[in-house]
PDB file of N, CA and C in Angstrom:
ATOM      1  N   MET A   1     -15.601  35.421  31.532  1.00  0.00           N
ATOM      2  CA  MET A   1     -15.484  35.017  33.097  1.00  0.00           C
ATOM      3  C   MET A   1     -15.099  33.593  33.930  1.00  0.00           C
ATOM      4  N   PRO A   2     -13.826  33.556  34.482  1.00  0.00           N
ATOM      5  CA  PRO A   2     -13.553  32.380  34.581  1.00  0.00           C
ATOM      6  C   PRO A   2     -14.470  31.786  35.805  1.00  0.00           C
ATOM      7  N   GLN A   3     -14.984  30.189  35.276  1.00  0.00           N
ATOM      8  CA  GLN A   3     -15.947  29.432  36.098  1.00  0.00           C
ATOM      9  C   GLN A   3     -15.092  29.195  37.505  1.00  0.00           C
ATOM     10  N   SER A   4     -15.647  29.207  38.589  1.00  0.00           N
ATOM     11  CA  SER A   4     -15.511  28.743  40.226  1.00  0.00           C
ATOM     12  C   SER A   4     -15.210  27.133  39.906  1.00  0.00           C
ATOM     13  N   LYS A   5     -14.027  26.698  40.536  1.00  0.00           N
ATOM     14  CA  LYS A   5     -13.707  25.695  40.969  1.00  0.00           C
ATOM     15  C   LYS A   5     -13.889  24.743  42.323  1.00  0.00           C
ATOM     16  N   PRO A   6     -15.315  24.296  41.961  1.00  0.00           N
ATOM     17  CA  PRO A   6     -15.621  23.879  43.624  1.00  0.00           C
ATOM     18  C   PRO A   6     -14.684  23.243  44.365  1.00  0.00           C
ATOM     19  N   PHE A   7     -13.959  21.936  43.204  1.00  0.00           N
ATOM     20  CA  PHE A   7     -13.344  21.000  44.143  1.00  0.00           C
ATOM     21  C   PHE A   7     -11.828  21.087  43.751  1.00  0.00           C
ATOM     22  N   LYS A   8     -11.631  22.309  43.943  1.00  0.00           N
ATOM     23  CA  LYS A   8     -10.319  22.873  43.928  1.00  0.00           C
ATOM     24  C   LYS A   8      -9.287  22.394  45.508  1.00  0.00           C
ATOM     25  N   TRP A   9      -8.333  21.891  45.843  1.00  0.00           N
ATOM     26  CA  TRP A   9      -7.784  21.351  46.793  1.00  0.00           C
ATOM     27  C   TRP A   9      -8.072  20.292  47.563  1.00  0.00           C
ATOM     28  N   ARG A  10      -9.045  19.305  46.565  1.00  0.00           N
ATOM     29  CA  ARG A  10      -9.596  18.265  46.990  1.00  0.00           C
ATOM     30  C   ARG A  10      -8.909  16.975  46.888  1.00  0.00           C
ATOM     31  N   TRP A  11      -8.509  15.988  47.662  1.00  0.00           N
ATOM     32  CA  TRP A  11      -7.649  14.905  47.223  1.00  0.00           C
ATOM     33  C   TRP A  11      -8.082  14.057  46.152  1.00  0.00           C
ATOM     34  N   TYR A  12      -9.149  14.201  45.777  1.00  0.00           N
ATOM     35  CA  TYR A  12      -9.258  13.134  44.899  1.00  0.00           C
ATOM     36  C   TYR A  12      -9.733  13.499  43.541  1.00  0.00           C
ATOM     37  N   GLU A  13     -10.154  12.964  42.296  1.00  0.00           N
ATOM     38  CA  GLU A  13     -10.049  13.742  40.619  1.00  0.00           C
ATOM     39  C   GLU A  13     -11.243  14.232  40.960  1.00  0.00           C
ATOM     40  N   PRO A  14     -11.491  15.945  40.475  1.00  0.00           N
ATOM     41  CA  PRO A  14     -13.212  16.393  40.659  1.00  0.00           C
ATOM     42  C   PRO A  14     -14.150  15.352  39.762  1.00  0.00           C
ATOM     43  N   GLU A  15     -14.000  14.306  39.209  1.00  0.00           N
ATOM     44  CA  GLU A  15     -14.869  13.602  38.354  1.00  0.00           C
ATOM     45  C   GLU A  15     -15.496  12.891  39.423  1.00  0.00           C
ATOM     46  N   ILE A  16     -14.716  12.495  40.202  1.00  0.00           N
ATOM     47  CA  ILE A  16     -15.215  11.524  41.091  1.00  0.00           C
ATOM     48  C   ILE A  16     -16.207  12.003  42.217  1.00  0.00           C
ATOM     49  N   ILE A  17     -16.049  13.057  42.619  1.00  0.00           N
ATOM     50  CA  ILE A  17     -16.776  13.785  43.553  1.00  0.00           C
ATOM     51  C   ILE A  17     -18.553  14.070  43.463  1.00  0.00           C
ATOM     52  N   PRO A  18     -18.474  14.581  42.251  1.00  0.00           N
ATOM     53  CA  PRO A  18     -19.721  14.745  41.917  1.00  0.00           C
ATOM     54  C   PRO A  18     -20.612  13.442  41.702  1.00  0.00           C
ATOM     55  N   LEU A  19     -19.696  12.123  41.068  1.00  0.00           N
ATOM     56  CA  LEU A  19     -20.208  11.156  40.980  1.00  0.00           C
ATOM     57  C   LEU A  19     -20.525  10.197  41.794  1.00  0.00           C
ATOM     58  N   CYS A  20     -20.093  10.358  43.034  1.00  0.00           N
ATOM     59  CA  CYS A  20     -20.460   9.775  44.255  1.00  0.00           C
ATOM     60  C   CYS A  20     -21.647  10.481  44.766  1.00  0.00           C
ATOM     61  N   VAL A  21     -21.912  11.778  44.853  1.00  0.00           N
ATOM     62  CA  VAL A  21     -22.967  12.708  45.615  1.00  0.00           C
ATOM     63  C   VAL A  21     -24.064  12.274  44.405  1.00  0.00           C
ATOM     64  N   CYS A  22     -23.835  11.913  43.105  1.00  0.00           N
ATOM     65  CA  CYS A  22     -25.373  12.142  42.540  1.00  0.00           C
ATOM     66  C   CYS A  22     -25.494  10.668  42.269  1.00  0.00           C
ATOM     67  N   TRP A  23     -24.617   9.332  42.640  1.00  0.00           N
ATOM     68  CA  TRP A  23     -25.242   7.831  42.900  1.00  0.00           C
ATOM     69  C   TRP A  23     -25.971   8.065  44.255  1.00  0.00           C
ATOM     70  N   TYR A  24     -25.373   8.615  45.370  1.00  0.00           N
ATOM     71  CA  TYR A  24     -26.096   8.730  46.557  1.00  0.00           C
ATOM     72  C   TYR A  24     -27.536   9.460  46.513  1.00  0.00           C
ATOM     73  N   LEU A  25     -27.736  10.517  45.736  1.00  0.00           N
ATOM     74  CA  LEU A  25     -28.929  11.215  46.017  1.00  0.00           C
ATOM     75  C   LEU A  25     -29.842  10.330  44.942  1.00  0.00           C
ATOM     76  N   ALA A  26     -29.543   9.929  43.529  1.00  0.00           N
ATOM     77  CA  ALA A  26     -30.107   9.287  42.883  1.00  0.00           C
ATOM     78  C   ALA A  26     -30.903   8.241  42.805  1.00  0.00           C
ATOM     79  N   TYR A  27     -30.053   7.321  43.974  1.00  0.00           N
ATOM     80  CA  TYR A  27     -30.831   5.789  44.020  1.00  0.00           C
ATOM     81  C   TYR A  27     -30.679   5.689  45.205  1.00  0.00           C
ATOM     82  N   PRO A  28     -31.346   4.450  45.953  1.00  0.00           N
ATOM     83  CA  PRO A  28     -31.406   4.162  47.255  1.00  0.00           C
ATOM     84  C   PRO A  28     -30.134   3.679  47.661  1.00  0.00           C
ATOM     85  N   LEU A  29     -29.323   4.291  47.622  1.00  0.00           N
ATOM     86  CA  LEU A  29     -27.844   3.485  48.311  1.00  0.00           C
ATOM     87  C   LEU A  29     -27.478   4.017  49.576  1.00  0.00           C
ATOM     88  N   SER A  30     -26.773   3.472  50.379  1.00  0.00           N
ATOM     89  CA  SER A  30     -26.388   3.913  51.490  1.00  0.00           C
ATOM     90  C   SER A  30     -24.929   4.457  51.126  1.00  0.00           C
ATOM     91  N   TYR A  31     -23.917   5.185  52.259  1.00  0.00           N
ATOM     92  CA  TYR A  31     -22.709   5.571  51.695  1.00  0.00           C
ATOM     93  C   TYR A  31     -21.736   4.427  51.694  1.00  0.00           C
ATOM     94  N   ARG A  32     -21.970   3.210  52.245  1.00  0.00           N
ATOM     95  CA  ARG A  32     -20.866   2.303  51.989  1.00  0.00           C
ATOM     96  C   ARG A  32     -21.119   1.531  50.801  1.00  0.00           C
ATOM     97  N   GLN A  33     -22.507   1.370  50.341  1.00  0.00           N
ATOM     98  CA  GLN A  33     -22.664   0.919  48.808  1.00  0.00           C
ATOM     99  C   GLN A  33     -21.991   1.872  47.904  1.00  0.00           C
ATOM    100  N   VAL A  34     -22.192   2.956  48.262  1.00  0.00           N
ATOM    101  CA  VAL A  34     -21.571   3.893  47.031  1.00  0.00           C
ATOM    102  C   VAL A  34     -19.593   3.486  47.108  1.00  0.00           C
ATOM    103  N   VAL A  35     -19.183   3.730  48.575  1.00  0.00           N
ATOM    104  CA  VAL A  35     -17.901   3.576  48.519  1.00  0.00           C
ATOM    105  C   VAL A  35     -17.372   1.883  47.572  1.00  0.00           C
ATOM    106  N   GLU A  36     -18.454   0.775  47.859  1.00  0.00           N
ATOM    107  CA  GLU A  36     -18.441  -0.593  47.165  1.00  0.00           C
ATOM    108  C   GLU A  36     -18.197   0.135  45.753  1.00  0.00           C
ATOM    109  N   MET A  37     -19.107   0.632  45.174  1.00  0.00           N
ATOM    110  CA  MET A  37     -19.284   1.029  43.647  1.00  0.00           C
ATOM    111  C   MET A  37     -17.680   1.395  43.241  1.00  0.00           C
ATOM    112  N   VAL A  38     -17.406   2.591  43.830  1.00  0.00           N
ATOM    113  CA  VAL A  38     -16.269   3.441  43.846  1.00  0.00           C
ATOM    114  C   VAL A  38     -14.883   2.271  43.898  1.00  0.00           C
ATOM    115  N   ASN A  39     -14.956   1.300  44.620  1.00  0.00           N
ATOM    116  CA  ASN A  39     -13.871   0.836  45.196  1.00  0.00           C
ATOM    117  C   ASN A  39     -13.889  -0.477  43.841  1.00  0.00           C
ATOM    118  N   GLU A  40     -14.474  -0.832  43.375  1.00  0.00           N
ATOM    119  CA  GLU A  40     -14.680  -1.755  41.947  1.00  0.00           C
ATOM    120  C   GLU A  40     -13.996  -1.373  40.846  1.00  0.00           C
ATOM    121  N   ARG A  41     -14.322   0.417  40.929  1.00  0.00           N
ATOM    122  CA  ARG A  41     -13.494   1.107  39.594  1.00  0.00           C
ATOM    123  C   ARG A  41     -11.964   1.404  39.810  1.00  0.00           C
ATOM    124  N   GLY A  42     -11.486   0.603  41.461  1.00  0.00           N
ATOM    125  CA  GLY A  42     -10.274   1.145  41.701  1.00  0.00           C
ATOM    126  C   GLY A  42      -9.895   2.048  42.557  1.00  0.00           C
ATOM    127  N   LEU A  43     -10.828   2.792  43.138  1.00  0.00           N
ATOM    128  CA  LEU A  43     -10.138   3.770  43.520  1.00  0.00           C
ATOM    129  C   LEU A  43     -10.637   3.574  45.332  1.00  0.00           C
ATOM    130  N   ASN A  44      -9.807   3.745  46.271  1.00  0.00           N
ATOM    131  CA  ASN A  44      -9.765   3.806  47.638  1.00  0.00           C
ATOM    132  C   ASN A  44     -10.566   4.668  48.476  1.00  0.00           C
ATOM    133  N   VAL A  45     -11.790   4.992  48.504  1.00  0.00           N
ATOM    134  CA  VAL A  45     -12.559   5.898  49.114  1.00  0.00           C
ATOM    135  C   VAL A  45     -13.183   5.256  50.447  1.00  0.00           C
ATOM    136  N   HIS A  46     -13.480   6.504  51.496  1.00  0.00           N
ATOM    137  CA  HIS A  46     -13.712   6.311  52.619  1.00  0.00           C
ATOM    138  C   HIS A  46     -15.468   6.540  52.390  1.00  0.00           C
ATOM    139  N   HIS A  47     -16.547   5.611  53.629  1.00  0.00           N
ATOM    140  CA  HIS A  47     -17.484   6.398  53.776  1.00  0.00           C
ATOM    141  C   HIS A  47     -18.122   7.556  53.901  1.00  0.00           C
ATOM    142  N   THR A  48     -17.052   8.280  55.042  1.00  0.00           N
ATOM    143  CA  THR A  48     -17.190   9.404  55.735  1.00  0.00           C
ATOM    144  C   THR A  48     -17.011  10.486  54.577  1.00  0.00           C
ATOM    145  N   SER A  49     -15.818   9.891  53.691  1.00  0.00           N
ATOM    146  CA  SER A  49     -15.592  11.183  52.688  1.00  0.00           C
ATOM    147  C   SER A  49     -16.887  11.392  51.932  1.00  0.00           C
ATOM    148  N   VAL A  50     -17.416  10.411  51.297  1.00  0.00           N
ATOM    149  CA  VAL A  50     -18.761  10.131  50.551  1.00  0.00           C
ATOM    150  C   VAL A  50     -20.093  11.255  51.540  1.00  0.00           C
ATOM    151  N   PHE A  51     -19.654  11.181  52.607  1.00  0.00           N
ATOM    152  CA  PHE A  51     -20.728  11.536  53.702  1.00  0.00           C
ATOM    153  C   PHE A  51     -20.461  13.152  53.388  1.00  0.00           C
ATOM    154  N   CYS A  52     -19.312  13.799  53.731  1.00  0.00           N
ATOM    155  CA  CYS A  52     -18.831  14.788  53.640  1.00  0.00           C
ATOM    156  C   CYS A  52     -19.283  15.887  52.339  1.00  0.00           C
ATOM    157  N   TRP A  53     -19.267  15.028  51.202  1.00  0.00           N
ATOM    158  CA  TRP A  53     -19.091  15.079  50.008  1.00  0.00           C
ATOM    159  C   TRP A  53     -20.959  15.786  49.895  1.00  0.00           C
ATOM    160  N   VAL A  54     -21.505  14.672  50.204  1.00  0.00           N
ATOM    161  CA  VAL A  54     -22.971  14.903  49.959  1.00  0.00           C
ATOM    162  C   VAL A  54     -23.191  16.011  51.094  1.00  0.00           C
ATOM    163  N   GLN A  55     -22.903  16.475  51.978  1.00  0.00           N
ATOM    164  CA  GLN A  55     -22.993  17.677  52.956  1.00  0.00           C
ATOM    165  C   GLN A  55     -22.548  18.516  52.054  1.00  0.00           C
ATOM    166  N   ARG A  56     -21.446  18.904  51.547  1.00  0.00           N
ATOM    167  CA  ARG A  56     -21.440  19.818  51.150  1.00  0.00           C
ATOM    168  C   ARG A  56     -21.637  20.577  49.818  1.00  0.00           C
ATOM    169  N   TYR A  57     -21.823  19.116  48.701  1.00  0.00           N
ATOM    170  CA  TYR A  57     -22.053  19.719  47.334  1.00  0.00           C
ATOM    171  C   TYR A  57     -23.381  19.105  46.942  1.00  0.00           C
ATOM    172  N   GLY A  58     -24.176  18.521  47.828  1.00  0.00           N
ATOM    173  CA  GLY A  58     -25.661  18.142  47.461  1.00  0.00           C
ATOM    174  C   GLY A  58     -26.203  19.320  46.913  1.00  0.00           C
ATOM    175  N   LEU A  59     -26.718  20.189  47.902  1.00  0.00           N
ATOM    176  CA  LEU A  59     -27.532  21.313  47.551  1.00  0.00           C
ATOM    177  C   LEU A  59     -26.889  22.241  46.269  1.00  0.00           C
ATOM    178  N   GLU A  60     -25.704  22.529  45.880  1.00  0.00           N
ATOM    179  CA  GLU A  60     -25.133  23.013  44.853  1.00  0.00           C
ATOM    180  C   GLU A  60     -25.236  22.244  43.605  1.00  0.00           C
ATOM    181  N   LEU A  61     -25.361  21.066  43.441  1.00  0.00           N
ATOM    182  CA  LEU A  61     -25.463  20.192  42.627  1.00  0.00           C
ATOM    183  C   LEU A  61     -27.327  19.858  42.240  1.00  0.00           C
ATOM    184  N   ASP A  62     -27.939  19.813  43.119  1.00  0.00           N
ATOM    185  CA  ASP A  62     -29.403  20.496  42.980  1.00  0.00           C
ATOM    186  C   ASP A  62     -29.752  21.580  42.365  1.00  0.00           C
ATOM    187  N   LYS A  63     -29.114  22.972  43.120  1.00  0.00           N
ATOM    188  CA  LYS A  63     -29.305  23.561  42.232  1.00  0.00           C
ATOM    189  C   LYS A  63     -28.959  24.232  40.769  1.00  0.00           C
ATOM    190  N   ARG A  64     -27.765  23.417  40.320  1.00  0.00           N
ATOM    191  CA  ARG A  64     -27.410  23.870  38.903  1.00  0.00           C
ATOM    192  C   ARG A  64     -28.258  23.159  38.141  1.00  0.00           C
ATOM    193  N   CYS A  65     -28.577  21.694  38.640  1.00  0.00           N
ATOM    194  CA  CYS A  65     -29.470  20.564  38.043  1.00  0.00           C
ATOM    195  C   CYS A  65     -31.066  20.924  37.616  1.00  0.00           C
ATOM    196  N   ARG A  66     -31.247  21.661  38.940  1.00  0.00           N
ATOM    197  CA  ARG A  66     -32.995  21.727  38.968  1.00  0.00           C
ATOM    198  C   ARG A  66     -33.201  22.313  37.762  1.00  0.00           C
ATOM    199  N   PRO A  67     -32.547  23.642  37.248  1.00  0.00           N
ATOM    200  CA  PRO A  67     -33.653  24.274  36.138  1.00  0.00           C
ATOM    201  C   PRO A  67     -33.233  23.666  34.639  1.00  0.00           C
ATOM    202  N   HIS A  68     -32.397  22.394  34.636  1.00  0.00           N
ATOM    203  CA  HIS A  68     -32.491  21.527  33.403  1.00  0.00           C
ATOM    204  C   HIS A  68     -33.311  20.611  33.439  1.00  0.00           C
ATOM    205  N   LEU A  69     -34.406  20.377  34.718  1.00  0.00           N
ATOM    206  CA  LEU A  69     -34.917  19.204  34.555  1.00  0.00           C
ATOM    207  C   LEU A  69     -36.303  19.272  33.859  1.00  0.00           C
ATOM    208  N   ARG A  70     -36.826  18.212  33.184  1.00  0.00           N
ATOM    209  CA  ARG A  70     -38.230  18.689  33.073  1.00  0.00           C
ATOM    210  C   ARG A  70     -39.402  18.117  33.769  1.00  0.00           C
ATOM    211  N   SER A  71     -40.392  18.301  33.582  1.00  0.00           N
ATOM    212  CA  SER A  71     -41.744  17.951  34.330  1.00  0.00           C
ATOM    213  C   SER A  71     -41.847  16.300  33.703  1.00  0.00           C
ATOM    214  N   THR A  72     -42.460  15.388  34.965  1.00  0.00           N
ATOM    215  CA  THR A  72     -42.181  14.177  34.619  1.00  0.00           C
ATOM    216  C   THR A  72     -43.554  14.185  34.276  1.00  0.00           C
ATOM    217  N   ASN A  73     -44.945  14.521  34.721  1.00  0.00           N
ATOM    218  CA  ASN A  73     -46.116  14.113  34.833  1.00  0.00           C
ATOM    219  C   ASN A  73     -47.040  15.409  34.161  1.00  0.00           C
ATOM    220  N   ASN A  74     -47.905  15.378  33.772  1.00  0.00           N
ATOM    221  CA  ASN A  74     -48.876  15.994  32.770  1.00  0.00           C
ATOM    222  C   ASN A  74     -50.004  16.461  33.885  1.00  0.00           C
ATOM    223  N   PHE A  75     -49.506  16.619  34.936  1.00  0.00           N
ATOM    224  CA  PHE A  75     -50.914  17.424  36.029  1.00  0.00           C
ATOM    225  C   PHE A  75     -50.569  18.963  35.835  1.00  0.00           C
ATOM    226  N   ARG A  76     -51.623  19.521  35.562  1.00  0.00           N
ATOM    227  CA  ARG A  76     -51.743  21.204  35.406  1.00  0.00           C
ATOM    228  C   ARG A  76     -52.160  21.678  36.302  1.00  0.00           C
ATOM    229  N   VAL A  77     -52.320  22.721  36.741  1.00  0.00           N
ATOM    230  CA  VAL A  77     -52.625  23.692  38.053  1.00  0.00           C
ATOM    231  C   VAL A  77     -53.372  24.700  37.233  1.00  0.00           C
ATOM    232  N   VAL A  78     -54.934  23.970  37.390  1.00  0.00           N
ATOM    233  CA  VAL A  78     -55.923  24.664  36.922  1.00  0.00           C
ATOM    234  C   VAL A  78     -56.214  26.133  38.235  1.00  0.00           C
ATOM    235  N   ALA A  79     -56.064  27.513  37.657  1.00  0.00           N
ATOM    236  CA  ALA A  79     -56.894  28.424  38.567  1.00  0.00           C
ATOM    237  C   ALA A  79     -58.115  28.321  38.516  1.00  0.00           C
TER     238      ALA A  79
END
């Protein structure tokens, strides 16, 4: 079964979009700070592009990553 290509027909490389979205969601950064980090690596990205990527791909990335996360505390629910 072929995998879907969610970043098909996008202007930027497919590796850049999830990287920007993950930076924004994982750390307390603004869209402009994410853009500064990407610009330091030689890519010209606008903050509205990062906003659109977060809105479009944020939930999908969360849905795909959530099953692989481990619990970070020892709290157990006792019934």
